[in-house]
Amino acid sequence: MPQWIRACATDDIDEEDLIRFDHAGATYAIYHSPEGDFFATAGLCTHENVHLCDGLVMGHLIECPKHNGQFDYRTGEARRTPVCVNLRTFPVKVEGGDVYIEVP
C-alpha cells in the first residue's frame, strides 16, 4: 500500500535543482521547479541506470550526466535521445516546509 514519506525540507533544494533521496532500497530524485513547485521521479536514468542527481536541471528538464539524454521531470517523458523509456513519477505534497513523496 502506498505511503507518504518525508523526503526533505523545502529549503534543501534550490529552484531549478534536485536532490537524491533513498528509501527502502529505491532511489528517487526530488526537483524544485522555477515556479516553486516540487516533483519526484525515479532517481536512475532509464537508459543506463545512472544517478540523475548528478545531472543538470534546465527549466523543467533533467539531463542525464552520462549520455545527455533528457526527461521532463514533471511528467517523466523522455525528451532527448538516447533515452526512450519514460521515468516513473511519484505524487508530491508539501506540508509545513517539508516535501513528501508517495512511494509504493
C-alpha atoms as a PDB file:
ATOM      1  CA  MET A   1       0.000   0.000   0.000  1.00  0.00           C
ATOM      2  CA  PRO A   2       1.438   3.416  -0.936  1.00  0.00           C
ATOM      3  CA  GLN A   3       2.623   5.680   1.863  1.00  0.00           C
ATOM      4  CA  TRP A   4       3.762   9.285   2.191  1.00  0.00           C
ATOM      5  CA  ILE A   5       7.428   9.621   3.185  1.00  0.00           C
ATOM      6  CA  ARG A   6       9.232  12.834   4.137  1.00  0.00           C
ATOM      7  CA  ALA A   7      11.983  13.354   1.570  1.00  0.00           C
ATOM      8  CA  CYS A   8      13.472  16.725   2.571  1.00  0.00           C
ATOM      9  CA  ALA A   9      12.761  20.270   3.670  1.00  0.00           C
ATOM     10  CA  THR A  10      11.624  22.735   1.009  1.00  0.00           C
ATOM     11  CA  ASP A  11      14.733  24.857   1.560  1.00  0.00           C
ATOM     12  CA  ASP A  12      17.043  21.855   0.986  1.00  0.00           C
ATOM     13  CA  ILE A  13      16.647  22.286  -2.799  1.00  0.00           C
ATOM     14  CA  ASP A  14      17.319  25.474  -4.717  1.00  0.00           C
ATOM     15  CA  GLU A  15      14.963  26.318  -7.571  1.00  0.00           C
ATOM     16  CA  GLU A  16      15.962  24.554 -10.804  1.00  0.00           C
ATOM     17  CA  ASP A  17      17.859  21.913  -8.865  1.00  0.00           C
ATOM     18  CA  LEU A  18      17.357  18.424  -7.445  1.00  0.00           C
ATOM     19  CA  ILE A  19      18.483  16.136  -4.674  1.00  0.00           C
ATOM     20  CA  ARG A  20      18.763  12.391  -4.324  1.00  0.00           C
ATOM     21  CA  PHE A  21      16.525  10.616  -1.837  1.00  0.00           C
ATOM     22  CA  ASP A  22      16.917   6.936  -0.950  1.00  0.00           C
ATOM     23  CA  HIS A  23      14.203   4.914   0.764  1.00  0.00           C
ATOM     24  CA  ALA A  24      13.688   1.170   1.250  1.00  0.00           C
ATOM     25  CA  GLY A  25      16.270   0.227  -1.379  1.00  0.00           C
ATOM     26  CA  ALA A  26      14.950   2.628  -4.035  1.00  0.00           C
ATOM     27  CA  THR A  27      16.480   5.884  -5.287  1.00  0.00           C
ATOM     28  CA  TYR A  28      14.359   8.937  -6.081  1.00  0.00           C
ATOM     29  CA  ALA A  29      15.084  12.399  -7.439  1.00  0.00           C
ATOM     30  CA  ILE A  30      13.267  15.385  -5.902  1.00  0.00           C
ATOM     31  CA  TYR A  31      13.099  18.551  -8.051  1.00  0.00           C
ATOM     32  CA  HIS A  32      12.312  22.196  -7.300  1.00  0.00           C
ATOM     33  CA  SER A  33      10.864  23.896 -10.382  1.00  0.00           C
ATOM     34  CA  PRO A  34      11.437  27.529 -11.410  1.00  0.00           C
ATOM     35  CA  GLU A  35       7.826  28.226 -10.357  1.00  0.00           C
ATOM     36  CA  GLY A  36       8.484  26.905  -6.846  1.00  0.00           C
ATOM     37  CA  ASP A  37       6.708  23.555  -7.237  1.00  0.00           C
ATOM     38  CA  PHE A  38       8.205  20.198  -6.269  1.00  0.00           C
ATOM     39  CA  PHE A  39       8.272  16.978  -8.281  1.00  0.00           C
ATOM     40  CA  ALA A  40       9.637  13.454  -7.822  1.00  0.00           C
ATOM     41  CA  THR A  41      10.847  10.800 -10.244  1.00  0.00           C
ATOM     42  CA  ALA A  42      12.780   7.578 -10.124  1.00  0.00           C
ATOM     43  CA  GLY A  43      16.362   8.508  -9.358  1.00  0.00           C
ATOM     44  CA  LEU A  44      18.055   6.457 -12.061  1.00  0.00           C
ATOM     45  CA  CYS A  45      18.149   7.122 -15.800  1.00  0.00           C
ATOM     46  CA  THR A  46      16.128   4.576 -17.786  1.00  0.00           C
ATOM     47  CA  HIS A  47      18.929   4.283 -20.354  1.00  0.00           C
ATOM     48  CA  GLU A  48      21.844   3.012 -18.243  1.00  0.00           C
ATOM     49  CA  ASN A  49      20.789   3.321 -14.589  1.00  0.00           C
ATOM     50  CA  VAL A  50      22.975   6.364 -13.854  1.00  0.00           C
ATOM     51  CA  HIS A  51      22.028   8.531 -10.870  1.00  0.00           C
ATOM     52  CA  LEU A  52      20.173  11.601 -12.112  1.00  0.00           C
ATOM     53  CA  CYS A  53      21.183  13.624  -9.035  1.00  0.00           C
ATOM     54  CA  ASP A  54      24.487  14.295 -10.814  1.00  0.00           C
ATOM     55  CA  GLY A  55      22.665  15.663 -13.861  1.00  0.00           C
ATOM     56  CA  LEU A  56      21.835  19.184 -14.942  1.00  0.00           C
ATOM     57  CA  VAL A  57      18.391  20.757 -14.379  1.00  0.00           C
ATOM     58  CA  MET A  58      17.344  23.302 -17.012  1.00  0.00           C
ATOM     59  CA  GLY A  59      13.836  24.666 -16.646  1.00  0.00           C
ATOM     60  CA  HIS A  60      11.671  21.529 -16.427  1.00  0.00           C
ATOM     61  CA  LEU A  61      14.248  19.147 -17.865  1.00  0.00           C
ATOM     62  CA  ILE A  62      16.767  16.882 -16.180  1.00  0.00           C
ATOM     63  CA  GLU A  63      19.766  15.915 -18.296  1.00  0.00           C
ATOM     64  CA  CYS A  64      21.446  12.602 -17.539  1.00  0.00           C
ATOM     65  CA  PRO A  65      25.143  13.088 -16.764  1.00  0.00           C
ATOM     66  CA  LYS A  66      26.275  10.038 -18.760  1.00  0.00           C
ATOM     67  CA  HIS A  67      24.865  10.421 -22.290  1.00  0.00           C
ATOM     68  CA  ASN A  68      22.952  13.720 -22.043  1.00  0.00           C
ATOM     69  CA  GLY A  69      19.507  12.220 -22.554  1.00  0.00           C
ATOM     70  CA  GLN A  70      16.760  14.446 -21.154  1.00  0.00           C
ATOM     71  CA  PHE A  71      13.470  13.938 -19.336  1.00  0.00           C
ATOM     72  CA  ASP A  72      10.681  16.328 -18.408  1.00  0.00           C
ATOM     73  CA  TYR A  73      10.669  15.760 -14.652  1.00  0.00           C
ATOM     74  CA  ARG A  74       7.045  16.934 -14.344  1.00  0.00           C
ATOM     75  CA  THR A  75       5.727  14.061 -16.471  1.00  0.00           C
ATOM     76  CA  GLY A  76       8.688  11.691 -16.740  1.00  0.00           C
ATOM     77  CA  GLU A  77       8.560  11.978 -20.538  1.00  0.00           C
ATOM     78  CA  ALA A  78      11.782  11.055 -22.357  1.00  0.00           C
ATOM     79  CA  ARG A  79      12.660  14.171 -24.387  1.00  0.00           C
ATOM     80  CA  ARG A  80      16.077  13.582 -25.993  1.00  0.00           C
ATOM     81  CA  THR A  81      17.934  10.508 -27.149  1.00  0.00           C
ATOM     82  CA  PRO A  82      19.452   8.211 -26.201  1.00  0.00           C
ATOM     83  CA  VAL A  83      16.677   7.842 -23.602  1.00  0.00           C
ATOM     84  CA  CYS A  84      13.452   6.408 -24.977  1.00  0.00           C
ATOM     85  CA  VAL A  85      11.767   4.981 -21.867  1.00  0.00           C
ATOM     86  CA  ASN A  86       9.942   7.482 -19.643  1.00  0.00           C
ATOM     87  CA  LEU A  87      10.882   7.983 -15.982  1.00  0.00           C
ATOM     88  CA  ARG A  88       8.431   6.892 -13.334  1.00  0.00           C
ATOM     89  CA  THR A  89       6.961   9.849 -11.455  1.00  0.00           C
ATOM     90  CA  PHE A  90       5.593   9.992  -7.912  1.00  0.00           C
ATOM     91  CA  PRO A  91       2.984  12.221  -6.251  1.00  0.00           C
ATOM     92  CA  VAL A  92       4.412  15.038  -4.117  1.00  0.00           C
ATOM     93  CA  LYS A  93       2.919  17.193  -1.390  1.00  0.00           C
ATOM     94  CA  VAL A  94       4.359  19.992   0.732  1.00  0.00           C
ATOM     95  CA  GLU A  95       3.331  20.340   4.379  1.00  0.00           C
ATOM     96  CA  GLY A  96       4.839  22.648   6.961  1.00  0.00           C
ATOM     97  CA  GLY A  97       8.004  23.281   4.970  1.00  0.00           C
ATOM     98  CA  ASP A  98       8.626  19.591   4.247  1.00  0.00           C
ATOM     99  CA  VAL A  99       8.419  17.728   0.936  1.00  0.00           C
ATOM    100  CA  TYR A 100       6.705  14.325   0.971  1.00  0.00           C
ATOM    101  CA  ILE A 101       6.550  11.763  -1.805  1.00  0.00           C
ATOM    102  CA  GLU A 102       4.100   8.904  -2.117  1.00  0.00           C
ATOM    103  CA  VAL A 103       6.036   5.675  -2.530  1.00  0.00           C
ATOM    104  CA  PRO A 104       4.765   2.164  -3.249  1.00  0.00           C
END
